[in-house]
Amino acid sequence: LGLLGTLRSPLCSVDLAAVETNIVMVSIRGGWPSPTELC
């Protein structure tokens, strides 16, 4: 979320309310990079 404020064109986002345990699901915005490429 802090990264989103730093970059004008955010690469990814996260729903902080959905982070309840040890798992974070990161949404990739736009078509590039793909999740595989980002990994």
PDB file of all heavy atoms in Angstrom:
ATOM      1  N   LEU A   1       0.837  -1.203   0.000  1.00  0.00           N
ATOM      2  CA  LEU A   1       0.000   0.000   0.000  1.00  0.00           C
ATOM      3  C   LEU A   1       0.872   1.253   0.000  1.00  0.00           C
ATOM      4  O   LEU A   1       0.552   2.235  -0.667  1.00  0.00           O
ATOM      5  CB  LEU A   1      -0.947  -0.009   1.196  1.00  0.00           C
ATOM      6  CG  LEU A   1      -2.026  -1.081   1.168  1.00  0.00           C
ATOM      7  CD1 LEU A   1      -2.884  -1.015   2.419  1.00  0.00           C
ATOM      8  CD2 LEU A   1      -2.886  -0.976  -0.080  1.00  0.00           C
ATOM      9  N   GLY A   2       1.984   1.222   0.731  1.00  0.00           N
ATOM     10  CA  GLY A   2       2.923   2.345   0.716  1.00  0.00           C
ATOM     11  C   GLY A   2       3.556   2.521  -0.643  1.00  0.00           C
ATOM     12  O   GLY A   2       3.783   3.638  -1.107  1.00  0.00           O
ATOM     13  N   LEU A   3       3.811   1.415  -1.311  1.00  0.00           N
ATOM     14  CA  LEU A   3       4.381   1.440  -2.655  1.00  0.00           C
ATOM     15  C   LEU A   3       3.425   2.112  -3.637  1.00  0.00           C
ATOM     16  O   LEU A   3       3.847   2.840  -4.532  1.00  0.00           O
ATOM     17  CB  LEU A   3       4.697   0.016  -3.098  1.00  0.00           C
ATOM     18  CG  LEU A   3       5.356  -0.195  -4.444  1.00  0.00           C
ATOM     19  CD1 LEU A   3       6.713   0.477  -4.489  1.00  0.00           C
ATOM     20  CD2 LEU A   3       5.502  -1.681  -4.718  1.00  0.00           C
ATOM     21  N   LEU A   4       2.133   1.892  -3.438  1.00  0.00           N
ATOM     22  CA  LEU A   4       1.145   2.520  -4.319  1.00  0.00           C
ATOM     23  C   LEU A   4       1.232   4.041  -4.251  1.00  0.00           C
ATOM     24  O   LEU A   4       1.033   4.721  -5.244  1.00  0.00           O
ATOM     25  CB  LEU A   4      -0.274   2.064  -3.941  1.00  0.00           C
ATOM     26  CG  LEU A   4      -0.588   0.598  -4.173  1.00  0.00           C
ATOM     27  CD1 LEU A   4      -1.976   0.267  -3.640  1.00  0.00           C
ATOM     28  CD2 LEU A   4      -0.491   0.242  -5.633  1.00  0.00           C
ATOM     29  N   GLY A   5       1.541   4.567  -3.064  1.00  0.00           N
ATOM     30  CA  GLY A   5       1.696   6.009  -2.923  1.00  0.00           C
ATOM     31  C   GLY A   5       2.973   6.528  -3.554  1.00  0.00           C
ATOM     32  O   GLY A   5       3.031   7.662  -4.007  1.00  0.00           O
ATOM     33  N   THR A   6       3.993   5.687  -3.615  1.00  0.00           N
ATOM     34  CA  THR A   6       5.285   6.082  -4.166  1.00  0.00           C
ATOM     35  C   THR A   6       5.267   6.110  -5.691  1.00  0.00           C
ATOM     36  O   THR A   6       5.823   7.010  -6.314  1.00  0.00           O
ATOM     37  CB  THR A   6       6.381   5.100  -3.698  1.00  0.00           C
ATOM     38  OG1 THR A   6       6.367   5.063  -2.276  1.00  0.00           O
ATOM     39  CG2 THR A   6       7.735   5.528  -4.179  1.00  0.00           C
ATOM     40  N   LEU A   7       4.631   5.120  -6.289  1.00  0.00           N
ATOM     41  CA  LEU A   7       4.612   5.009  -7.749  1.00  0.00           C
ATOM     42  C   LEU A   7       3.349   5.652  -8.313  1.00  0.00           C
ATOM     43  O   LEU A   7       2.268   5.491  -7.773  1.00  0.00           O
ATOM     44  CB  LEU A   7       4.658   3.533  -8.161  1.00  0.00           C
ATOM     45  CG  LEU A   7       5.861   2.731  -7.678  1.00  0.00           C
ATOM     46  CD1 LEU A   7       5.676   1.268  -8.025  1.00  0.00           C
ATOM     47  CD2 LEU A   7       7.141   3.264  -8.284  1.00  0.00           C
ATOM     48  N   ARG A   8       3.497   6.350  -9.396  1.00  0.00           N
ATOM     49  CA  ARG A   8       2.315   6.964 -10.025  1.00  0.00           C
ATOM     50  C   ARG A   8       1.503   5.943 -10.810  1.00  0.00           C
ATOM     51  O   ARG A   8       0.312   6.089 -10.978  1.00  0.00           O
ATOM     52  CB  ARG A   8       2.756   8.100 -10.952  1.00  0.00           C
ATOM     53  CG  ARG A   8       3.192   9.311 -10.181  1.00  0.00           C
ATOM     54  CD  ARG A   8       3.491  10.468 -11.109  1.00  0.00           C
ATOM     55  NE  ARG A   8       4.719  11.073 -10.616  1.00  0.00           N
ATOM     56  CZ  ARG A   8       5.770  11.327 -11.351  1.00  0.00           C
ATOM     57  NH1 ARG A   8       5.772  11.084 -12.628  1.00  0.00           N
ATOM     58  NH2 ARG A   8       6.835  11.857 -10.812  1.00  0.00           N
ATOM     59  N   SER A   9       2.160   4.933 -11.327  1.00  0.00           N
ATOM     60  CA  SER A   9       1.489   3.879 -12.083  1.00  0.00           C
ATOM     61  C   SER A   9       1.721   2.558 -11.355  1.00  0.00           C
ATOM     62  O   SER A   9       2.671   1.855 -11.637  1.00  0.00           O
ATOM     63  CB  SER A   9       2.052   3.817 -13.500  1.00  0.00           C
ATOM     64  OG  SER A   9       1.504   2.714 -14.178  1.00  0.00           O
ATOM     65  N   PRO A  10       0.874   2.236 -10.363  1.00  0.00           N
ATOM     66  CA  PRO A  10       1.153   1.067  -9.528  1.00  0.00           C
ATOM     67  C   PRO A  10       1.117  -0.251 -10.294  1.00  0.00           C
ATOM     68  O   PRO A  10       0.255  -0.482 -11.132  1.00  0.00           O
ATOM     69  CB  PRO A  10       0.056   1.114  -8.469  1.00  0.00           C
ATOM     70  CG  PRO A  10      -1.022   1.952  -9.054  1.00  0.00           C
ATOM     71  CD  PRO A  10      -0.374   2.890 -10.031  1.00  0.00           C
ATOM     72  N   LEU A  11       2.069  -1.087  -9.988  1.00  0.00           N
ATOM     73  CA  LEU A  11       2.192  -2.404 -10.586  1.00  0.00           C
ATOM     74  C   LEU A  11       1.216  -3.386  -9.940  1.00  0.00           C
ATOM     75  O   LEU A  11       0.683  -4.262 -10.601  1.00  0.00           O
ATOM     76  CB  LEU A  11       3.629  -2.898 -10.387  1.00  0.00           C
ATOM     77  CG  LEU A  11       3.956  -4.344 -10.716  1.00  0.00           C
ATOM     78  CD1 LEU A  11       3.929  -4.531 -12.222  1.00  0.00           C
ATOM     79  CD2 LEU A  11       5.324  -4.699 -10.162  1.00  0.00           C
ATOM     80  N   CYS A  12       0.983  -3.223  -8.633  1.00  0.00           N
ATOM     81  CA  CYS A  12       0.179  -4.192  -7.914  1.00  0.00           C
ATOM     82  C   CYS A  12      -0.605  -3.522  -6.799  1.00  0.00           C
ATOM     83  O   CYS A  12      -0.358  -2.372  -6.453  1.00  0.00           O
ATOM     84  CB  CYS A  12       1.077  -5.285  -7.344  1.00  0.00           C
ATOM     85  SG  CYS A  12       2.428  -4.664  -6.334  1.00  0.00           S
ATOM     86  N   SER A  13      -1.546  -4.278  -6.257  1.00  0.00           N
ATOM     87  CA  SER A  13      -2.332  -3.791  -5.130  1.00  0.00           C
ATOM     88  C   SER A  13      -2.678  -4.965  -4.227  1.00  0.00           C
ATOM     89  O   SER A  13      -2.512  -6.120  -4.599  1.00  0.00           O
ATOM     90  CB  SER A  13      -3.607  -3.100  -5.628  1.00  0.00           C
ATOM     91  OG  SER A  13      -4.458  -4.045  -6.244  1.00  0.00           O
ATOM     92  N   VAL A  14      -3.158  -4.627  -3.055  1.00  0.00           N
ATOM     93  CA  VAL A  14      -3.550  -5.652  -2.090  1.00  0.00           C
ATOM     94  C   VAL A  14      -4.744  -5.139  -1.298  1.00  0.00           C
ATOM     95  O   VAL A  14      -4.851  -3.947  -1.027  1.00  0.00           O
ATOM     96  CB  VAL A  14      -2.362  -6.022  -1.168  1.00  0.00           C
ATOM     97  CG1 VAL A  14      -1.962  -4.874  -0.276  1.00  0.00           C
ATOM     98  CG2 VAL A  14      -2.665  -7.241  -0.351  1.00  0.00           C
ATOM     99  N   ASP A  15      -5.652  -6.043  -0.972  1.00  0.00           N
ATOM    100  CA  ASP A  15      -6.795  -5.715  -0.124  1.00  0.00           C
ATOM    101  C   ASP A  15      -6.381  -6.010   1.307  1.00  0.00           C
ATOM    102  O   ASP A  15      -6.371  -7.168   1.736  1.00  0.00           O
ATOM    103  CB  ASP A  15      -8.007  -6.555  -0.541  1.00  0.00           C
ATOM    104  CG  ASP A  15      -9.213  -6.322   0.338  1.00  0.00           C
ATOM    105  OD1 ASP A  15      -9.170  -5.446   1.246  1.00  0.00           O
ATOM    106  OD2 ASP A  15     -10.220  -7.025   0.134  1.00  0.00           O
ATOM    107  N   LEU A  16      -6.021  -4.982   2.053  1.00  0.00           N
ATOM    108  CA  LEU A  16      -5.514  -5.162   3.407  1.00  0.00           C
ATOM    109  C   LEU A  16      -6.530  -5.857   4.306  1.00  0.00           C
ATOM    110  O   LEU A  16      -6.149  -6.640   5.187  1.00  0.00           O
ATOM    111  CB  LEU A  16      -5.112  -3.804   3.996  1.00  0.00           C
ATOM    112  CG  LEU A  16      -4.237  -3.837   5.230  1.00  0.00           C
ATOM    113  CD1 LEU A  16      -2.966  -4.632   5.011  1.00  0.00           C
ATOM    114  CD2 LEU A  16      -3.898  -2.425   5.675  1.00  0.00           C
ATOM    115  N   ALA A  17      -7.809  -5.619   4.088  1.00  0.00           N
ATOM    116  CA  ALA A  17      -8.842  -6.274   4.903  1.00  0.00           C
ATOM    117  C   ALA A  17      -8.849  -7.792   4.708  1.00  0.00           C
ATOM    118  O   ALA A  17      -9.296  -8.531   5.583  1.00  0.00           O
ATOM    119  CB  ALA A  17     -10.210  -5.698   4.566  1.00  0.00           C
ATOM    120  N   ALA A  18      -8.343  -8.259   3.576  1.00  0.00           N
ATOM    121  CA  ALA A  18      -8.322  -9.694   3.291  1.00  0.00           C
ATOM    122  C   ALA A  18      -7.095 -10.398   3.878  1.00  0.00           C
ATOM    123  O   ALA A  18      -7.004 -11.614   3.833  1.00  0.00           O
ATOM    124  CB  ALA A  18      -8.371  -9.932   1.782  1.00  0.00           C
ATOM    125  N   VAL A  19      -6.161  -9.633   4.425  1.00  0.00           N
ATOM    126  CA  VAL A  19      -4.951 -10.223   5.010  1.00  0.00           C
ATOM    127  C   VAL A  19      -5.256 -10.542   6.470  1.00  0.00           C
ATOM    128  O   VAL A  19      -5.079  -9.711   7.357  1.00  0.00           O
ATOM    129  CB  VAL A  19      -3.740  -9.278   4.887  1.00  0.00           C
ATOM    130  CG1 VAL A  19      -2.490  -9.918   5.480  1.00  0.00           C
ATOM    131  CG2 VAL A  19      -3.505  -8.903   3.430  1.00  0.00           C
ATOM    132  N   GLU A  20      -5.731 -11.766   6.691  1.00  0.00           N
ATOM    133  CA  GLU A  20      -6.135 -12.174   8.038  1.00  0.00           C
ATOM    134  C   GLU A  20      -5.159 -13.153   8.668  1.00  0.00           C
ATOM    135  O   GLU A  20      -5.127 -13.303   9.887  1.00  0.00           O
ATOM    136  CB  GLU A  20      -7.508 -12.832   7.986  1.00  0.00           C
ATOM    137  CG  GLU A  20      -8.608 -11.894   7.498  1.00  0.00           C
ATOM    138  CD  GLU A  20      -9.940 -12.576   7.408  1.00  0.00           C
ATOM    139  OE1 GLU A  20     -10.097 -13.435   6.508  1.00  0.00           O
ATOM    140  OE2 GLU A  20     -10.797 -12.263   8.242  1.00  0.00           O
ATOM    141  N   THR A  21      -4.377 -13.832   7.862  1.00  0.00           N
ATOM    142  CA  THR A  21      -3.446 -14.827   8.385  1.00  0.00           C
ATOM    143  C   THR A  21      -2.069 -14.589   7.786  1.00  0.00           C
ATOM    144  O   THR A  21      -1.622 -13.456   7.698  1.00  0.00           O
ATOM    145  CB  THR A  21      -3.942 -16.262   8.080  1.00  0.00           C
ATOM    146  OG1 THR A  21      -3.991 -16.451   6.660  1.00  0.00           O
ATOM    147  CG2 THR A  21      -5.302 -16.534   8.691  1.00  0.00           C
ATOM    148  N   ASN A  22      -1.411 -15.651   7.374  1.00  0.00           N
ATOM    149  CA  ASN A  22      -0.055 -15.589   6.837  1.00  0.00           C
ATOM    150  C   ASN A  22      -0.019 -15.546   5.320  1.00  0.00           C
ATOM    151  O   ASN A  22       1.028 -15.745   4.723  1.00  0.00           O
ATOM    152  CB  ASN A  22       0.756 -16.792   7.332  1.00  0.00           C
ATOM    153  CG  ASN A  22       0.180 -18.112   6.840  1.00  0.00           C
ATOM    154  OD1 ASN A  22      -1.034 -18.276   6.720  1.00  0.00           O
ATOM    155  ND2 ASN A  22       1.048 -19.067   6.568  1.00  0.00           N
ATOM    156  N   ILE A  23      -1.153 -15.286   4.685  1.00  0.00           N
ATOM    157  CA  ILE A  23      -1.240 -15.292   3.224  1.00  0.00           C
ATOM    158  C   ILE A  23      -1.591 -13.896   2.723  1.00  0.00           C
ATOM    159  O   ILE A  23      -2.517 -13.264   3.233  1.00  0.00           O
ATOM    160  CB  ILE A  23      -2.301 -16.299   2.742  1.00  0.00           C
ATOM    161  CG1 ILE A  23      -1.920 -17.721   3.192  1.00  0.00           C
ATOM    162  CG2 ILE A  23      -2.467 -16.234   1.229  1.00  0.00           C
ATOM    163  CD1 ILE A  23      -2.983 -18.760   2.920  1.00  0.00           C
ATOM    164  N   VAL A  24      -0.853 -13.436   1.727  1.00  0.00           N
ATOM    165  CA  VAL A  24      -1.128 -12.157   1.073  1.00  0.00           C
ATOM    166  C   VAL A  24      -1.352 -12.435  -0.412  1.00  0.00           C
ATOM    167  O   VAL A  24      -0.484 -13.003  -1.074  1.00  0.00           O
ATOM    168  CB  VAL A  24       0.029 -11.147   1.250  1.00  0.00           C
ATOM    169  CG1 VAL A  24      -0.254  -9.858   0.497  1.00  0.00           C
ATOM    170  CG2 VAL A  24       0.281 -10.875   2.730  1.00  0.00           C
ATOM    171  N   MET A  25      -2.512 -12.063  -0.891  1.00  0.00           N
ATOM    172  CA  MET A  25      -2.831 -12.181  -2.313  1.00  0.00           C
ATOM    173  C   MET A  25      -2.584 -10.807  -2.947  1.00  0.00           C
ATOM    174  O   MET A  25      -3.231  -9.828  -2.576  1.00  0.00           O
ATOM    175  CB  MET A  25      -4.278 -12.619  -2.512  1.00  0.00           C
ATOM    176  CG  MET A  25      -4.609 -13.945  -1.834  1.00  0.00           C
ATOM    177  SD  MET A  25      -3.594 -15.328  -2.366  1.00  0.00           S
ATOM    178  CE  MET A  25      -4.406 -15.755  -3.879  1.00  0.00           C
ATOM    179  N   VAL A  26      -1.656 -10.754  -3.879  1.00  0.00           N
ATOM    180  CA  VAL A  26      -1.262  -9.504  -4.528  1.00  0.00           C
ATOM    181  C   VAL A  26      -1.888  -9.468  -5.915  1.00  0.00           C
ATOM    182  O   VAL A  26      -1.647 -10.357  -6.735  1.00  0.00           O
ATOM    183  CB  VAL A  26       0.280  -9.401  -4.634  1.00  0.00           C
ATOM    184  CG1 VAL A  26       0.681  -8.081  -5.278  1.00  0.00           C
ATOM    185  CG2 VAL A  26       0.921  -9.571  -3.267  1.00  0.00           C
ATOM    186  N   SER A  27      -2.703  -8.456  -6.179  1.00  0.00           N
ATOM    187  CA  SER A  27      -3.336  -8.296  -7.487  1.00  0.00           C
ATOM    188  C   SER A  27      -2.385  -7.544  -8.407  1.00  0.00           C
ATOM    189  O   SER A  27      -1.842  -6.500  -8.039  1.00  0.00           O
ATOM    190  CB  SER A  27      -4.640  -7.507  -7.360  1.00  0.00           C
ATOM    191  OG  SER A  27      -5.546  -8.213  -6.569  1.00  0.00           O
ATOM    192  N   ILE A  28      -2.204  -8.081  -9.605  1.00  0.00           N
ATOM    193  CA  ILE A  28      -1.331  -7.458 -10.596  1.00  0.00           C
ATOM    194  C   ILE A  28      -2.200  -6.602 -11.500  1.00  0.00           C
ATOM    195  O   ILE A  28      -3.175  -7.077 -12.064  1.00  0.00           O
ATOM    196  CB  ILE A  28      -0.590  -8.524 -11.436  1.00  0.00           C
ATOM    197  CG1 ILE A  28       0.122  -9.525 -10.525  1.00  0.00           C
ATOM    198  CG2 ILE A  28       0.376  -7.875 -12.412  1.00  0.00           C
ATOM    199  CD1 ILE A  28       1.110  -8.929  -9.578  1.00  0.00           C
ATOM    200  N   ARG A  29      -1.815  -5.354 -11.636  1.00  0.00           N
ATOM    201  CA  ARG A  29      -2.586  -4.424 -12.461  1.00  0.00           C
ATOM    202  C   ARG A  29      -2.003  -4.353 -13.856  1.00  0.00           C
ATOM    203  O   ARG A  29      -0.794  -4.375 -14.030  1.00  0.00           O
ATOM    204  CB  ARG A  29      -2.589  -3.045 -11.822  1.00  0.00           C
ATOM    205  CG  ARG A  29      -3.295  -3.043 -10.491  1.00  0.00           C
ATOM    206  CD  ARG A  29      -3.335  -1.660  -9.947  1.00  0.00           C
ATOM    207  NE  ARG A  29      -4.148  -1.644  -8.744  1.00  0.00           N
ATOM    208  CZ  ARG A  29      -4.463  -0.546  -8.119  1.00  0.00           C
ATOM    209  NH1 ARG A  29      -4.054   0.621  -8.559  1.00  0.00           N
ATOM    210  NH2 ARG A  29      -5.196  -0.607  -7.029  1.00  0.00           N
ATOM    211  N   GLY A  30      -2.887  -4.248 -14.828  1.00  0.00           N
ATOM    212  CA  GLY A  30      -2.439  -4.160 -16.217  1.00  0.00           C
ATOM    213  C   GLY A  30      -2.055  -5.527 -16.749  1.00  0.00           C
ATOM    214  O   GLY A  30      -2.133  -6.534 -16.058  1.00  0.00           O
ATOM    215  N   GLY A  31      -1.622  -5.567 -17.962  1.00  0.00           N
ATOM    216  CA  GLY A  31      -1.300  -6.837 -18.593  1.00  0.00           C
ATOM    217  C   GLY A  31       0.149  -7.253 -18.455  1.00  0.00           C
ATOM    218  O   GLY A  31       0.497  -8.393 -18.697  1.00  0.00           O
ATOM    219  N   TRP A  32       1.017  -6.319 -18.082  1.00  0.00           N
ATOM    220  CA  TRP A  32       2.421  -6.658 -18.010  1.00  0.00           C
ATOM    221  C   TRP A  32       3.048  -6.042 -16.781  1.00  0.00           C
ATOM    222  O   TRP A  32       2.809  -4.864 -16.509  1.00  0.00           O
ATOM    223  CB  TRP A  32       3.143  -6.150 -19.251  1.00  0.00           C
ATOM    224  CG  TRP A  32       4.460  -6.815 -19.452  1.00  0.00           C
ATOM    225  CD1 TRP A  32       4.675  -8.032 -19.994  1.00  0.00           C
ATOM    226  CD2 TRP A  32       5.732  -6.300 -19.090  1.00  0.00           C
ATOM    227  NE1 TRP A  32       6.010  -8.317 -19.997  1.00  0.00           N
ATOM    228  CE2 TRP A  32       6.686  -7.260 -19.443  1.00  0.00           C
ATOM    229  CE3 TRP A  32       6.169  -5.133 -18.485  1.00  0.00           C
ATOM    230  CZ2 TRP A  32       8.045  -7.097 -19.224  1.00  0.00           C
ATOM    231  CZ3 TRP A  32       7.520  -4.961 -18.264  1.00  0.00           C
ATOM    232  CH2 TRP A  32       8.451  -5.935 -18.638  1.00  0.00           C
ATOM    233  N   PRO A  33       3.741  -6.745 -15.988  1.00  0.00           N
ATOM    234  CA  PRO A  33       4.121  -8.137 -16.168  1.00  0.00           C
ATOM    235  C   PRO A  33       2.991  -9.073 -15.752  1.00  0.00           C
ATOM    236  O   PRO A  33       2.107  -8.694 -14.990  1.00  0.00           O
ATOM    237  CB  PRO A  33       5.299  -8.299 -15.208  1.00  0.00           C
ATOM    238  CG  PRO A  33       4.966  -7.369 -14.089  1.00  0.00           C
ATOM    239  CD  PRO A  33       4.294  -6.189 -14.745  1.00  0.00           C
ATOM    240  N   SER A  34       3.058 -10.275 -16.220  1.00  0.00           N
ATOM    241  CA  SER A  34       2.115 -11.299 -15.775  1.00  0.00           C
ATOM    242  C   SER A  34       2.548 -11.752 -14.381  1.00  0.00           C
ATOM    243  O   SER A  34       3.690 -11.514 -13.977  1.00  0.00           O
ATOM    244  CB  SER A  34       2.123 -12.484 -16.736  1.00  0.00           C
ATOM    245  OG  SER A  34       3.344 -13.193 -16.605  1.00  0.00           O
ATOM    246  N   PRO A  35       1.678 -12.413 -13.643  1.00  0.00           N
ATOM    247  CA  PRO A  35       2.107 -12.946 -12.344  1.00  0.00           C
ATOM    248  C   PRO A  35       3.346 -13.833 -12.454  1.00  0.00           C
ATOM    249  O   PRO A  35       4.247 -13.738 -11.612  1.00  0.00           O
ATOM    250  CB  PRO A  35       0.878 -13.735 -11.870  1.00  0.00           C
ATOM    251  CG  PRO A  35      -0.264 -12.974 -12.454  1.00  0.00           C
ATOM    252  CD  PRO A  35       0.230 -12.575 -13.827  1.00  0.00           C
ATOM    253  N   THR A  36       3.422 -14.654 -13.481  1.00  0.00           N
ATOM    254  CA  THR A  36       4.593 -15.516 -13.659  1.00  0.00           C
ATOM    255  C   THR A  36       5.850 -14.684 -13.870  1.00  0.00           C
ATOM    256  O   THR A  36       6.900 -14.959 -13.281  1.00  0.00           O
ATOM    257  CB  THR A  36       4.375 -16.485 -14.837  1.00  0.00           C
ATOM    258  OG1 THR A  36       3.222 -17.285 -14.553  1.00  0.00           O
ATOM    259  CG2 THR A  36       5.579 -17.379 -15.055  1.00  0.00           C
ATOM    260  N   GLU A  37       5.762 -13.647 -14.714  1.00  0.00           N
ATOM    261  CA  GLU A  37       6.922 -12.784 -14.961  1.00  0.00           C
ATOM    262  C   GLU A  37       7.336 -12.040 -13.692  1.00  0.00           C
ATOM    263  O   GLU A  37       8.528 -11.908 -13.401  1.00  0.00           O
ATOM    264  CB  GLU A  37       6.620 -11.793 -16.081  1.00  0.00           C
ATOM    265  CG  GLU A  37       6.500 -12.449 -17.443  1.00  0.00           C
ATOM    266  CD  GLU A  37       5.898 -11.518 -18.488  1.00  0.00           C
ATOM    267  OE1 GLU A  37       5.005 -10.710 -18.143  1.00  0.00           O
ATOM    268  OE2 GLU A  37       6.333 -11.613 -19.643  1.00  0.00           O
ATOM    269  N   LEU A  38       6.358 -11.545 -12.941  1.00  0.00           N
ATOM    270  CA  LEU A  38       6.676 -10.852 -11.694  1.00  0.00           C
ATOM    271  C   LEU A  38       7.391 -11.801 -10.734  1.00  0.00           C
ATOM    272  O   LEU A  38       8.397 -11.440 -10.127  1.00  0.00           O
ATOM    273  CB  LEU A  38       5.420 -10.277 -11.051  1.00  0.00           C
ATOM    274  CG  LEU A  38       5.643  -9.552  -9.716  1.00  0.00           C
ATOM    275  CD1 LEU A  38       6.599  -8.377  -9.888  1.00  0.00           C
ATOM    276  CD2 LEU A  38       4.316  -9.094  -9.137  1.00  0.00           C
ATOM    277  N   CYS A  39       6.891 -13.026 -10.614  1.00  0.00           N
ATOM    278  CA  CYS A  39       7.521 -14.018  -9.734  1.00  0.00           C
ATOM    279  C   CYS A  39       8.958 -14.285 -10.154  1.00  0.00           C
ATOM    280  O   CYS A  39       9.860 -14.401  -9.312  1.00  0.00           O
ATOM    281  CB  CYS A  39       6.718 -15.314  -9.717  1.00  0.00           C
ATOM    282  SG  CYS A  39       5.122 -15.157  -8.896  1.00  0.00           S
TER     283      CYS A  39
END
